[in-house]
N, C-alpha and C. Protein backbone atom coordinates (compact mmCIF):
# COMPACT_ATOMS: atom_id res chain seq x y z
N MET A 1 -42.37 2.04 -94.77
CA MET A 1 -41.23 2.07 -93.88
C MET A 1 -40.44 0.78 -94.07
N GLY A 2 -39.19 0.93 -94.28
CA GLY A 2 -38.33 -0.23 -94.51
C GLY A 2 -37.75 -0.76 -93.21
N ARG A 3 -36.84 -1.65 -93.38
CA ARG A 3 -36.20 -2.27 -92.21
C ARG A 3 -35.40 -1.27 -91.40
N PHE A 4 -34.79 -0.37 -92.08
CA PHE A 4 -34.02 0.66 -91.38
C PHE A 4 -34.93 1.48 -90.48
N GLY A 5 -36.09 1.79 -90.96
CA GLY A 5 -37.03 2.58 -90.18
C GLY A 5 -37.53 1.81 -88.97
N GLN A 6 -37.71 0.53 -89.10
CA GLN A 6 -38.15 -0.29 -87.98
C GLN A 6 -37.08 -0.35 -86.90
N ALA A 7 -35.84 -0.48 -87.31
CA ALA A 7 -34.74 -0.55 -86.35
C ALA A 7 -34.61 0.77 -85.59
N VAL A 8 -34.77 1.90 -86.29
CA VAL A 8 -34.69 3.21 -85.64
C VAL A 8 -35.85 3.36 -84.68
N GLY A 9 -37.02 2.87 -85.07
CA GLY A 9 -38.19 2.96 -84.21
C GLY A 9 -38.00 2.16 -82.92
N LEU A 10 -37.41 1.00 -83.01
CA LEU A 10 -37.16 0.17 -81.82
C LEU A 10 -36.15 0.84 -80.90
N LEU A 11 -35.13 1.43 -81.46
CA LEU A 11 -34.14 2.12 -80.64
C LEU A 11 -34.76 3.32 -79.94
N CYS A 12 -35.61 4.03 -80.62
CA CYS A 12 -36.27 5.19 -80.01
C CYS A 12 -37.19 4.75 -78.89
N ALA A 13 -37.90 3.65 -79.11
CA ALA A 13 -38.81 3.14 -78.07
C ALA A 13 -38.03 2.71 -76.85
N ALA A 14 -36.89 2.08 -77.04
CA ALA A 14 -36.08 1.65 -75.91
C ALA A 14 -35.53 2.84 -75.16
N ALA A 15 -35.14 3.88 -75.88
CA ALA A 15 -34.61 5.08 -75.22
C ALA A 15 -35.69 5.79 -74.43
N MET A 16 -36.93 5.79 -74.94
CA MET A 16 -38.03 6.48 -74.24
C MET A 16 -38.41 5.74 -72.97
N LEU A 17 -38.26 4.44 -72.94
CA LEU A 17 -38.59 3.68 -71.74
C LEU A 17 -37.54 3.87 -70.64
N GLY A 18 -36.43 4.38 -71.01
CA GLY A 18 -35.39 4.70 -70.03
C GLY A 18 -34.56 3.49 -69.63
N GLY A 19 -34.81 2.36 -70.20
CA GLY A 19 -34.03 1.16 -69.85
C GLY A 19 -32.77 1.08 -70.69
N THR A 20 -31.80 0.44 -70.16
CA THR A 20 -30.58 0.22 -70.92
C THR A 20 -30.49 -1.26 -71.26
N ALA A 21 -30.07 -1.53 -72.38
CA ALA A 21 -29.92 -2.92 -72.82
C ALA A 21 -28.59 -3.45 -72.32
N GLN A 22 -28.62 -4.64 -71.74
CA GLN A 22 -27.40 -5.28 -71.26
C GLN A 22 -27.27 -6.65 -71.91
N ALA A 23 -26.09 -6.95 -72.28
CA ALA A 23 -25.82 -8.25 -72.87
C ALA A 23 -24.96 -9.06 -71.91
N THR A 24 -25.31 -10.32 -71.73
CA THR A 24 -24.47 -11.21 -70.92
C THR A 24 -23.94 -12.30 -71.83
N SER A 25 -22.80 -12.75 -71.51
CA SER A 25 -22.15 -13.76 -72.34
C SER A 25 -22.74 -15.13 -72.05
N LEU A 26 -22.88 -15.92 -73.07
CA LEU A 26 -23.30 -17.31 -72.91
C LEU A 26 -22.15 -18.19 -72.43
N TYR A 27 -20.93 -17.67 -72.56
CA TYR A 27 -19.74 -18.43 -72.15
C TYR A 27 -19.52 -18.31 -70.65
N GLN A 28 -19.57 -19.42 -69.96
CA GLN A 28 -19.26 -19.47 -68.53
C GLN A 28 -18.03 -20.38 -68.38
N GLU A 29 -16.95 -19.82 -67.91
CA GLU A 29 -15.69 -20.54 -67.87
C GLU A 29 -15.77 -21.83 -67.06
N GLY A 30 -16.47 -21.83 -65.94
CA GLY A 30 -16.51 -23.00 -65.07
C GLY A 30 -17.31 -24.16 -65.61
N SER A 31 -18.26 -23.91 -66.50
CA SER A 31 -19.11 -24.99 -67.00
C SER A 31 -19.08 -25.14 -68.50
N TYR A 32 -18.12 -24.54 -69.16
CA TYR A 32 -18.07 -24.56 -70.62
C TYR A 32 -17.66 -25.93 -71.12
N LYS A 33 -18.42 -26.46 -72.08
CA LYS A 33 -18.05 -27.67 -72.81
C LYS A 33 -18.32 -27.38 -74.28
N ALA A 34 -17.30 -27.53 -75.08
CA ALA A 34 -17.45 -27.26 -76.51
C ALA A 34 -18.35 -28.32 -77.14
N LEU A 35 -19.19 -27.90 -78.07
CA LEU A 35 -20.11 -28.83 -78.72
C LEU A 35 -19.38 -29.84 -79.59
N ALA A 36 -18.25 -29.46 -80.12
CA ALA A 36 -17.54 -30.33 -81.05
C ALA A 36 -16.45 -31.15 -80.37
N SER A 37 -16.23 -31.01 -79.09
CA SER A 37 -15.16 -31.74 -78.43
C SER A 37 -15.71 -33.00 -77.77
N ASP A 38 -14.79 -33.87 -77.34
CA ASP A 38 -15.22 -35.07 -76.65
C ASP A 38 -15.63 -34.72 -75.22
N GLN A 39 -16.20 -35.66 -74.54
CA GLN A 39 -16.69 -35.41 -73.18
C GLN A 39 -15.78 -36.07 -72.13
N LYS A 40 -14.48 -36.07 -72.37
CA LYS A 40 -13.54 -36.67 -71.43
C LYS A 40 -13.49 -35.88 -70.14
N ALA A 41 -13.20 -36.60 -69.06
CA ALA A 41 -13.06 -35.96 -67.74
C ALA A 41 -11.88 -34.99 -67.78
N ARG A 42 -12.10 -33.79 -67.26
CA ARG A 42 -11.05 -32.78 -67.26
C ARG A 42 -11.03 -31.95 -65.99
N ARG A 43 -12.10 -32.00 -65.20
CA ARG A 43 -12.21 -31.11 -64.05
C ARG A 43 -12.48 -31.90 -62.77
N ARG A 44 -12.30 -31.20 -61.66
CA ARG A 44 -12.64 -31.77 -60.36
C ARG A 44 -14.10 -32.17 -60.35
N GLY A 45 -14.38 -33.34 -59.79
CA GLY A 45 -15.75 -33.82 -59.69
C GLY A 45 -16.18 -34.69 -60.86
N ASP A 46 -15.44 -34.69 -61.97
CA ASP A 46 -15.78 -35.56 -63.08
C ASP A 46 -15.54 -37.02 -62.67
N LEU A 47 -16.22 -37.94 -63.36
CA LEU A 47 -16.13 -39.36 -63.04
C LEU A 47 -15.28 -40.09 -64.07
N VAL A 48 -14.51 -41.06 -63.58
CA VAL A 48 -13.67 -41.90 -64.43
C VAL A 48 -13.88 -43.35 -63.99
N THR A 49 -14.10 -44.24 -64.95
CA THR A 49 -14.25 -45.66 -64.65
C THR A 49 -12.91 -46.35 -64.86
N ILE A 50 -12.49 -47.11 -63.86
CA ILE A 50 -11.21 -47.81 -63.92
C ILE A 50 -11.48 -49.31 -64.01
N MET A 51 -10.90 -49.92 -65.02
CA MET A 51 -10.95 -51.37 -65.18
C MET A 51 -9.70 -51.92 -64.48
N VAL A 52 -9.89 -52.50 -63.31
CA VAL A 52 -8.77 -53.04 -62.53
C VAL A 52 -8.46 -54.43 -63.07
N VAL A 53 -7.33 -54.54 -63.73
CA VAL A 53 -6.87 -55.81 -64.27
C VAL A 53 -5.42 -55.96 -63.79
N GLU A 54 -5.25 -56.60 -62.66
CA GLU A 54 -3.93 -56.73 -62.07
C GLU A 54 -3.58 -58.20 -61.88
N ASN A 55 -2.46 -58.61 -62.43
CA ASN A 55 -1.92 -59.94 -62.23
C ASN A 55 -0.52 -59.76 -61.68
N SER A 56 -0.24 -60.41 -60.59
CA SER A 56 1.11 -60.33 -60.05
C SER A 56 1.54 -61.72 -59.61
N SER A 57 2.77 -62.03 -59.90
CA SER A 57 3.32 -63.30 -59.44
C SER A 57 4.80 -63.10 -59.17
N ALA A 58 5.26 -63.81 -58.18
CA ALA A 58 6.68 -63.73 -57.82
C ALA A 58 7.14 -65.10 -57.37
N THR A 59 8.31 -65.46 -57.79
CA THR A 59 8.91 -66.73 -57.38
C THR A 59 10.34 -66.45 -56.95
N SER A 60 10.69 -67.00 -55.83
CA SER A 60 12.04 -66.87 -55.33
C SER A 60 12.52 -68.25 -54.92
N THR A 61 13.66 -68.65 -55.43
CA THR A 61 14.21 -69.97 -55.14
C THR A 61 15.65 -69.79 -54.68
N ALA A 62 15.99 -70.52 -53.65
CA ALA A 62 17.37 -70.50 -53.16
C ALA A 62 17.83 -71.92 -52.91
N ASN A 63 18.99 -72.27 -53.44
CA ASN A 63 19.61 -73.57 -53.20
C ASN A 63 21.02 -73.31 -52.69
N THR A 64 21.34 -73.94 -51.59
CA THR A 64 22.66 -73.78 -51.01
C THR A 64 23.24 -75.15 -50.70
N THR A 65 24.44 -75.38 -51.17
CA THR A 65 25.15 -76.62 -50.85
C THR A 65 26.54 -76.22 -50.38
N ALA A 66 26.89 -76.70 -49.23
CA ALA A 66 28.23 -76.40 -48.68
C ALA A 66 28.82 -77.69 -48.12
N ARG A 67 30.07 -77.96 -48.45
CA ARG A 67 30.75 -79.14 -47.94
C ARG A 67 32.14 -78.72 -47.46
N ARG A 68 32.50 -79.30 -46.33
CA ARG A 68 33.82 -79.02 -45.78
C ARG A 68 34.34 -80.30 -45.15
N GLY A 69 35.57 -80.61 -45.39
CA GLY A 69 36.17 -81.81 -44.80
C GLY A 69 37.54 -81.46 -44.25
N ALA A 70 37.87 -82.10 -43.16
CA ALA A 70 39.20 -81.89 -42.57
C ALA A 70 39.64 -83.20 -41.93
N SER A 71 40.93 -83.48 -42.01
CA SER A 71 41.44 -84.69 -41.36
C SER A 71 42.84 -84.41 -40.83
N ILE A 72 43.11 -85.04 -39.72
CA ILE A 72 44.43 -84.94 -39.09
C ILE A 72 44.86 -86.36 -38.76
N ASN A 73 46.05 -86.73 -39.18
CA ASN A 73 46.60 -88.06 -38.89
C ASN A 73 47.95 -87.89 -38.20
N ALA A 74 48.14 -88.70 -37.23
CA ALA A 74 49.43 -88.68 -36.53
C ALA A 74 49.82 -90.13 -36.21
N GLU A 75 51.10 -90.40 -36.26
CA GLU A 75 51.56 -91.74 -35.93
C GLU A 75 52.67 -91.61 -34.90
N VAL A 76 52.52 -92.37 -33.88
CA VAL A 76 53.50 -92.34 -32.79
C VAL A 76 54.17 -93.71 -32.74
N GLU A 77 55.50 -93.71 -32.72
CA GLU A 77 56.21 -94.99 -32.64
C GLU A 77 56.78 -95.15 -31.25
N LEU A 78 56.36 -96.23 -30.67
CA LEU A 78 56.89 -96.64 -29.36
C LEU A 78 57.74 -97.88 -29.58
N PRO A 79 58.60 -98.23 -28.64
CA PRO A 79 59.42 -99.43 -28.86
C PRO A 79 58.51 -100.64 -29.10
N HIS A 80 58.70 -101.30 -30.15
CA HIS A 80 58.02 -102.49 -30.64
C HIS A 80 56.55 -102.27 -30.95
N LYS A 81 56.08 -101.09 -30.92
CA LYS A 81 54.67 -100.85 -31.29
C LYS A 81 54.56 -99.52 -32.04
N ALA A 82 53.71 -99.53 -33.02
CA ALA A 82 53.42 -98.27 -33.72
C ALA A 82 51.95 -97.97 -33.50
N ARG A 83 51.69 -96.82 -33.07
CA ARG A 83 50.30 -96.40 -32.81
C ARG A 83 49.94 -95.25 -33.77
N GLY A 84 48.79 -95.39 -34.30
CA GLY A 84 48.31 -94.33 -35.19
C GLY A 84 47.08 -93.67 -34.58
N VAL A 85 47.03 -92.37 -34.70
CA VAL A 85 45.89 -91.61 -34.20
C VAL A 85 45.40 -90.73 -35.37
N GLY A 86 44.11 -90.74 -35.58
CA GLY A 86 43.58 -89.92 -36.67
C GLY A 86 42.25 -89.28 -36.28
N ILE A 87 42.05 -88.09 -36.76
CA ILE A 87 40.79 -87.38 -36.54
C ILE A 87 40.31 -86.92 -37.91
N GLN A 88 39.06 -87.17 -38.17
CA GLN A 88 38.50 -86.75 -39.44
C GLN A 88 37.13 -86.13 -39.17
N THR A 89 36.87 -84.99 -39.80
CA THR A 89 35.56 -84.34 -39.66
C THR A 89 35.02 -84.01 -41.05
N ASN A 90 33.73 -84.11 -41.15
CA ASN A 90 33.03 -83.71 -42.38
C ASN A 90 31.88 -82.80 -41.97
N ASN A 91 31.69 -81.76 -42.72
CA ASN A 91 30.59 -80.84 -42.46
C ASN A 91 29.87 -80.62 -43.78
N ASN A 92 28.69 -81.22 -43.90
CA ASN A 92 27.90 -81.09 -45.12
C ASN A 92 26.59 -80.36 -44.79
N MET A 93 26.21 -79.46 -45.69
CA MET A 93 24.96 -78.75 -45.48
C MET A 93 24.28 -78.55 -46.82
N ASP A 94 23.01 -78.94 -46.88
CA ASP A 94 22.18 -78.69 -48.06
C ASP A 94 20.99 -77.86 -47.59
N GLY A 95 20.78 -76.75 -48.23
CA GLY A 95 19.63 -75.91 -47.88
C GLY A 95 18.86 -75.53 -49.14
N ARG A 96 17.56 -75.69 -49.06
CA ARG A 96 16.73 -75.34 -50.21
C ARG A 96 15.50 -74.62 -49.70
N GLY A 97 15.07 -73.64 -50.47
CA GLY A 97 13.86 -72.92 -50.12
C GLY A 97 13.23 -72.34 -51.36
N GLN A 98 11.90 -72.20 -51.31
CA GLN A 98 11.20 -71.62 -52.44
C GLN A 98 9.99 -70.86 -51.92
N THR A 99 9.80 -69.69 -52.47
CA THR A 99 8.64 -68.87 -52.15
C THR A 99 7.91 -68.56 -53.45
N VAL A 100 6.61 -68.84 -53.46
CA VAL A 100 5.79 -68.55 -54.63
C VAL A 100 4.59 -67.75 -54.16
N ARG A 101 4.34 -66.64 -54.80
CA ARG A 101 3.19 -65.80 -54.45
C ARG A 101 2.52 -65.35 -55.74
N GLU A 102 1.21 -65.44 -55.76
CA GLU A 102 0.47 -65.06 -56.95
C GLU A 102 -0.81 -64.35 -56.55
N GLY A 103 -1.15 -63.31 -57.27
CA GLY A 103 -2.37 -62.56 -56.98
C GLY A 103 -3.03 -62.10 -58.26
N LYS A 104 -4.37 -62.01 -58.23
CA LYS A 104 -5.11 -61.58 -59.40
C LYS A 104 -6.33 -60.81 -58.93
N VAL A 105 -6.52 -59.63 -59.48
CA VAL A 105 -7.69 -58.81 -59.15
C VAL A 105 -8.31 -58.34 -60.46
N LEU A 106 -9.60 -58.61 -60.63
CA LEU A 106 -10.38 -58.12 -61.76
C LEU A 106 -11.57 -57.38 -61.18
N ALA A 107 -11.71 -56.11 -61.49
CA ALA A 107 -12.81 -55.32 -60.95
C ALA A 107 -13.04 -54.11 -61.85
N GLN A 108 -14.16 -53.49 -61.63
CA GLN A 108 -14.50 -52.25 -62.33
C GLN A 108 -15.03 -51.28 -61.28
N ILE A 109 -14.45 -50.10 -61.23
CA ILE A 109 -14.83 -49.12 -60.21
C ILE A 109 -14.82 -47.73 -60.83
N THR A 110 -15.80 -46.94 -60.47
CA THR A 110 -15.86 -45.55 -60.92
C THR A 110 -15.37 -44.65 -59.79
N VAL A 111 -14.41 -43.79 -60.11
CA VAL A 111 -13.79 -42.92 -59.12
C VAL A 111 -14.04 -41.46 -59.50
N VAL A 112 -13.69 -40.57 -58.60
CA VAL A 112 -13.92 -39.14 -58.78
C VAL A 112 -12.58 -38.43 -58.99
N VAL A 113 -12.56 -37.47 -59.90
CA VAL A 113 -11.37 -36.64 -60.08
C VAL A 113 -11.28 -35.70 -58.88
N LYS A 114 -10.25 -35.86 -58.08
CA LYS A 114 -10.07 -35.05 -56.87
C LYS A 114 -9.34 -33.74 -57.16
N ASP A 115 -8.45 -33.77 -58.15
CA ASP A 115 -7.70 -32.57 -58.48
C ASP A 115 -7.11 -32.73 -59.88
N VAL A 116 -6.69 -31.62 -60.46
CA VAL A 116 -6.06 -31.61 -61.77
C VAL A 116 -4.69 -30.95 -61.61
N THR A 117 -3.65 -31.62 -62.05
CA THR A 117 -2.29 -31.06 -61.92
C THR A 117 -2.07 -29.96 -62.95
N ASP A 118 -0.95 -29.26 -62.82
CA ASP A 118 -0.63 -28.16 -63.73
C ASP A 118 -0.51 -28.62 -65.18
N ASN A 119 -0.05 -29.86 -65.39
CA ASN A 119 0.09 -30.35 -66.77
C ASN A 119 -1.17 -31.06 -67.28
N GLY A 120 -2.24 -31.06 -66.50
CA GLY A 120 -3.51 -31.62 -66.96
C GLY A 120 -3.79 -33.04 -66.52
N ASP A 121 -2.85 -33.68 -65.79
CA ASP A 121 -3.10 -35.03 -65.29
C ASP A 121 -4.20 -34.99 -64.23
N LEU A 122 -4.95 -36.07 -64.14
CA LEU A 122 -6.07 -36.15 -63.19
C LEU A 122 -5.67 -36.98 -61.98
N LEU A 123 -5.85 -36.41 -60.80
CA LEU A 123 -5.64 -37.16 -59.56
C LEU A 123 -7.00 -37.71 -59.14
N VAL A 124 -7.11 -39.04 -59.12
CA VAL A 124 -8.40 -39.68 -58.87
C VAL A 124 -8.34 -40.53 -57.61
N ALA A 125 -9.50 -40.75 -57.00
CA ALA A 125 -9.61 -41.62 -55.84
C ALA A 125 -11.06 -42.05 -55.69
N GLY A 126 -11.24 -43.25 -55.19
CA GLY A 126 -12.59 -43.74 -54.95
C GLY A 126 -12.56 -45.12 -54.34
N GLU A 127 -13.68 -45.53 -53.83
CA GLU A 127 -13.78 -46.87 -53.26
C GLU A 127 -15.16 -47.45 -53.54
N GLN A 128 -15.22 -48.76 -53.47
CA GLN A 128 -16.46 -49.48 -53.71
C GLN A 128 -16.60 -50.53 -52.62
N LEU A 129 -17.78 -50.65 -52.08
CA LEU A 129 -18.04 -51.61 -51.00
C LEU A 129 -19.16 -52.54 -51.46
N LEU A 130 -18.90 -53.83 -51.36
CA LEU A 130 -19.87 -54.84 -51.75
C LEU A 130 -20.04 -55.80 -50.59
N GLU A 131 -21.28 -56.02 -50.20
CA GLU A 131 -21.54 -56.93 -49.08
C GLU A 131 -22.53 -58.00 -49.53
N VAL A 132 -22.12 -59.27 -49.42
CA VAL A 132 -22.95 -60.40 -49.80
C VAL A 132 -22.80 -61.47 -48.72
N ASN A 133 -23.93 -61.90 -48.13
CA ASN A 133 -23.93 -62.97 -47.11
C ASN A 133 -22.92 -62.72 -46.00
N ASN A 134 -22.96 -61.56 -45.42
CA ASN A 134 -22.07 -61.17 -44.31
C ASN A 134 -20.59 -61.14 -44.70
N GLU A 135 -20.31 -61.15 -45.97
CA GLU A 135 -18.94 -60.99 -46.45
C GLU A 135 -18.83 -59.61 -47.08
N ARG A 136 -17.91 -58.83 -46.60
CA ARG A 136 -17.72 -57.47 -47.09
C ARG A 136 -16.44 -57.42 -47.92
N GLN A 137 -16.57 -56.95 -49.15
CA GLN A 137 -15.43 -56.77 -50.05
C GLN A 137 -15.30 -55.28 -50.35
N GLN A 138 -14.13 -54.75 -50.12
CA GLN A 138 -13.90 -53.33 -50.35
C GLN A 138 -12.69 -53.16 -51.25
N ILE A 139 -12.88 -52.34 -52.28
CA ILE A 139 -11.78 -52.04 -53.18
C ILE A 139 -11.58 -50.53 -53.20
N ARG A 140 -10.32 -50.12 -53.08
CA ARG A 140 -9.97 -48.69 -53.12
C ARG A 140 -8.93 -48.49 -54.22
N VAL A 141 -9.12 -47.40 -54.95
CA VAL A 141 -8.18 -47.07 -56.03
C VAL A 141 -7.88 -45.58 -55.95
N GLU A 142 -6.62 -45.26 -56.08
CA GLU A 142 -6.23 -43.86 -56.23
C GLU A 142 -4.96 -43.80 -57.06
N GLY A 143 -4.77 -42.68 -57.74
CA GLY A 143 -3.59 -42.53 -58.57
C GLY A 143 -3.70 -41.33 -59.49
N ARG A 144 -2.84 -41.35 -60.50
CA ARG A 144 -2.71 -40.21 -61.42
C ARG A 144 -2.90 -40.72 -62.86
N ILE A 145 -3.79 -40.07 -63.60
CA ILE A 145 -4.14 -40.52 -64.95
C ILE A 145 -3.86 -39.40 -65.95
N ARG A 146 -3.24 -39.77 -67.06
CA ARG A 146 -3.09 -38.83 -68.17
C ARG A 146 -4.40 -38.81 -68.95
N THR A 147 -4.84 -37.65 -69.37
CA THR A 147 -6.12 -37.57 -70.10
C THR A 147 -6.05 -38.30 -71.44
N GLN A 148 -4.88 -38.41 -72.05
CA GLN A 148 -4.79 -39.13 -73.32
C GLN A 148 -4.94 -40.64 -73.14
N ASP A 149 -4.84 -41.14 -71.91
CA ASP A 149 -5.06 -42.55 -71.65
C ASP A 149 -6.53 -42.89 -71.46
N LEU A 150 -7.38 -41.88 -71.31
CA LEU A 150 -8.81 -42.11 -71.16
C LEU A 150 -9.45 -42.43 -72.50
N SER A 151 -10.39 -43.38 -72.49
CA SER A 151 -11.15 -43.65 -73.71
C SER A 151 -12.22 -42.57 -73.88
N ASP A 152 -12.95 -42.65 -74.97
CA ASP A 152 -14.01 -41.66 -75.21
C ASP A 152 -15.13 -41.75 -74.17
N THR A 153 -15.24 -42.92 -73.51
CA THR A 153 -16.28 -43.10 -72.50
C THR A 153 -15.73 -42.97 -71.08
N ASN A 154 -14.56 -42.33 -70.94
CA ASN A 154 -13.91 -42.08 -69.65
C ASN A 154 -13.56 -43.37 -68.90
N VAL A 155 -13.03 -44.34 -69.62
CA VAL A 155 -12.58 -45.60 -69.04
C VAL A 155 -11.08 -45.69 -69.22
N VAL A 156 -10.40 -46.20 -68.19
CA VAL A 156 -8.94 -46.37 -68.26
C VAL A 156 -8.58 -47.68 -67.55
N LEU A 157 -7.55 -48.35 -68.06
CA LEU A 157 -7.06 -49.56 -67.42
C LEU A 157 -6.20 -49.20 -66.22
N SER A 158 -6.24 -50.04 -65.21
CA SER A 158 -5.45 -49.76 -64.00
C SER A 158 -3.96 -49.78 -64.28
N THR A 159 -3.54 -50.47 -65.32
CA THR A 159 -2.12 -50.50 -65.66
C THR A 159 -1.63 -49.18 -66.24
N ARG A 160 -2.54 -48.26 -66.54
CA ARG A 160 -2.19 -46.95 -67.08
C ARG A 160 -2.25 -45.85 -66.02
N ILE A 161 -2.35 -46.24 -64.75
CA ILE A 161 -2.42 -45.27 -63.66
C ILE A 161 -1.04 -45.14 -63.02
N ALA A 162 -0.54 -43.93 -62.95
CA ALA A 162 0.73 -43.69 -62.28
C ALA A 162 0.49 -43.54 -60.78
N ASP A 163 1.48 -43.91 -59.99
CA ASP A 163 1.40 -43.83 -58.53
C ASP A 163 0.13 -44.52 -58.02
N ALA A 164 -0.21 -45.65 -58.64
CA ALA A 164 -1.46 -46.34 -58.31
C ALA A 164 -1.37 -46.99 -56.93
N LYS A 165 -2.44 -46.84 -56.18
CA LYS A 165 -2.61 -47.52 -54.90
C LYS A 165 -3.94 -48.25 -55.00
N ILE A 166 -3.85 -49.57 -55.10
CA ILE A 166 -5.05 -50.39 -55.24
C ILE A 166 -5.07 -51.37 -54.08
N SER A 167 -6.15 -51.33 -53.32
CA SER A 167 -6.27 -52.28 -52.21
C SER A 167 -7.60 -53.00 -52.33
N TYR A 168 -7.55 -54.29 -52.08
CA TYR A 168 -8.73 -55.14 -52.14
C TYR A 168 -8.77 -55.91 -50.84
N VAL A 169 -9.76 -55.63 -50.01
CA VAL A 169 -9.82 -56.17 -48.66
C VAL A 169 -11.15 -56.87 -48.46
N GLY A 170 -11.09 -58.04 -47.85
CA GLY A 170 -12.32 -58.76 -47.54
C GLY A 170 -12.44 -58.95 -46.03
N ALA A 171 -13.66 -58.91 -45.54
CA ALA A 171 -13.91 -59.12 -44.12
C ALA A 171 -15.22 -59.88 -43.97
N GLY A 172 -15.24 -60.80 -43.01
CA GLY A 172 -16.45 -61.58 -42.77
C GLY A 172 -16.08 -62.97 -42.28
N ASP A 173 -17.07 -63.85 -42.25
CA ASP A 173 -16.85 -65.20 -41.73
C ASP A 173 -15.81 -65.96 -42.53
N LEU A 174 -15.89 -65.92 -43.85
CA LEU A 174 -14.95 -66.64 -44.68
C LEU A 174 -13.52 -66.12 -44.51
N SER A 175 -13.38 -64.81 -44.47
CA SER A 175 -12.05 -64.22 -44.28
C SER A 175 -11.48 -64.57 -42.92
N ASP A 176 -12.35 -64.60 -41.88
CA ASP A 176 -11.89 -64.94 -40.54
C ASP A 176 -11.39 -66.38 -40.47
N LYS A 177 -12.05 -67.28 -41.19
CA LYS A 177 -11.66 -68.70 -41.16
C LYS A 177 -10.33 -68.92 -41.86
N GLN A 178 -9.95 -68.04 -42.76
CA GLN A 178 -8.69 -68.21 -43.48
C GLN A 178 -7.49 -67.74 -42.67
N ARG A 179 -7.72 -67.03 -41.61
CA ARG A 179 -6.61 -66.56 -40.77
C ARG A 179 -6.29 -67.61 -39.72
N PRO A 180 -5.01 -67.80 -39.39
CA PRO A 180 -4.67 -68.75 -38.32
C PRO A 180 -5.15 -68.21 -36.97
N GLY A 181 -5.44 -69.16 -36.06
CA GLY A 181 -5.88 -68.78 -34.71
C GLY A 181 -4.78 -68.07 -33.95
N TRP A 182 -5.15 -67.42 -32.85
CA TRP A 182 -4.18 -66.64 -32.08
C TRP A 182 -3.09 -67.55 -31.51
N TRP A 183 -3.46 -68.76 -31.10
CA TRP A 183 -2.47 -69.66 -30.51
C TRP A 183 -1.48 -70.14 -31.59
N GLN A 184 -1.92 -70.28 -32.84
CA GLN A 184 -1.01 -70.64 -33.92
C GLN A 184 -0.06 -69.49 -34.22
N GLN A 185 -0.56 -68.27 -34.12
CA GLN A 185 0.30 -67.11 -34.37
C GLN A 185 1.38 -67.01 -33.27
N VAL A 186 1.02 -67.31 -32.03
CA VAL A 186 1.98 -67.28 -30.92
C VAL A 186 3.06 -68.34 -31.14
N LEU A 187 2.63 -69.56 -31.51
CA LEU A 187 3.60 -70.61 -31.76
C LEU A 187 4.54 -70.26 -32.92
N THR A 188 3.99 -69.66 -33.96
CA THR A 188 4.80 -69.23 -35.09
C THR A 188 5.78 -68.15 -34.67
N TRP A 189 5.35 -67.26 -33.81
CA TRP A 189 6.23 -66.20 -33.34
C TRP A 189 7.43 -66.78 -32.58
N PHE A 190 7.21 -67.87 -31.85
CA PHE A 190 8.29 -68.53 -31.12
C PHE A 190 9.07 -69.50 -32.00
N GLY A 191 8.69 -69.61 -33.28
CA GLY A 191 9.42 -70.46 -34.20
C GLY A 191 9.05 -71.92 -34.11
N MET A 192 7.87 -72.21 -33.64
CA MET A 192 7.44 -73.61 -33.50
C MET A 192 6.49 -74.01 -34.58
């Protein structure tokens, strides 16, 4: 009996048992990952690591100089006397001001893909909380990432995030000492 005979025999045996053969697909749309493709984040729940590298600085300088002068002279002649009357005013103003602000944040945080837009961009959000010696540091990041900006290891720079919202907040004894007291805030409010 050859191979053909064996195949016919198996089919006959299956028919006699009364069972029907069913095939299910190995392809599952929700969890499919191609063996030859990269493993970049593409779906809700995937993780993306963000390298927060933010430097910001701003300088504003204003110089104002204003000068105004006015004079009025009058002379009155009386018999055998000449009287002179004069008024002179000067108004000088020099104003200078400068504002300098600088900030720098370096951090690494892994966030979760919350949604995927119609064009394939990833909407991500996440936060990280670090507490050391009663000092709490919290960093939050959210924004929109293009998949082509992701590296092969799902890392992206914060400068490549659209609509980025990055907040870095500290709380604790050290942070409290850096804030002015309530009485200083009241005096500042009154301009003192």
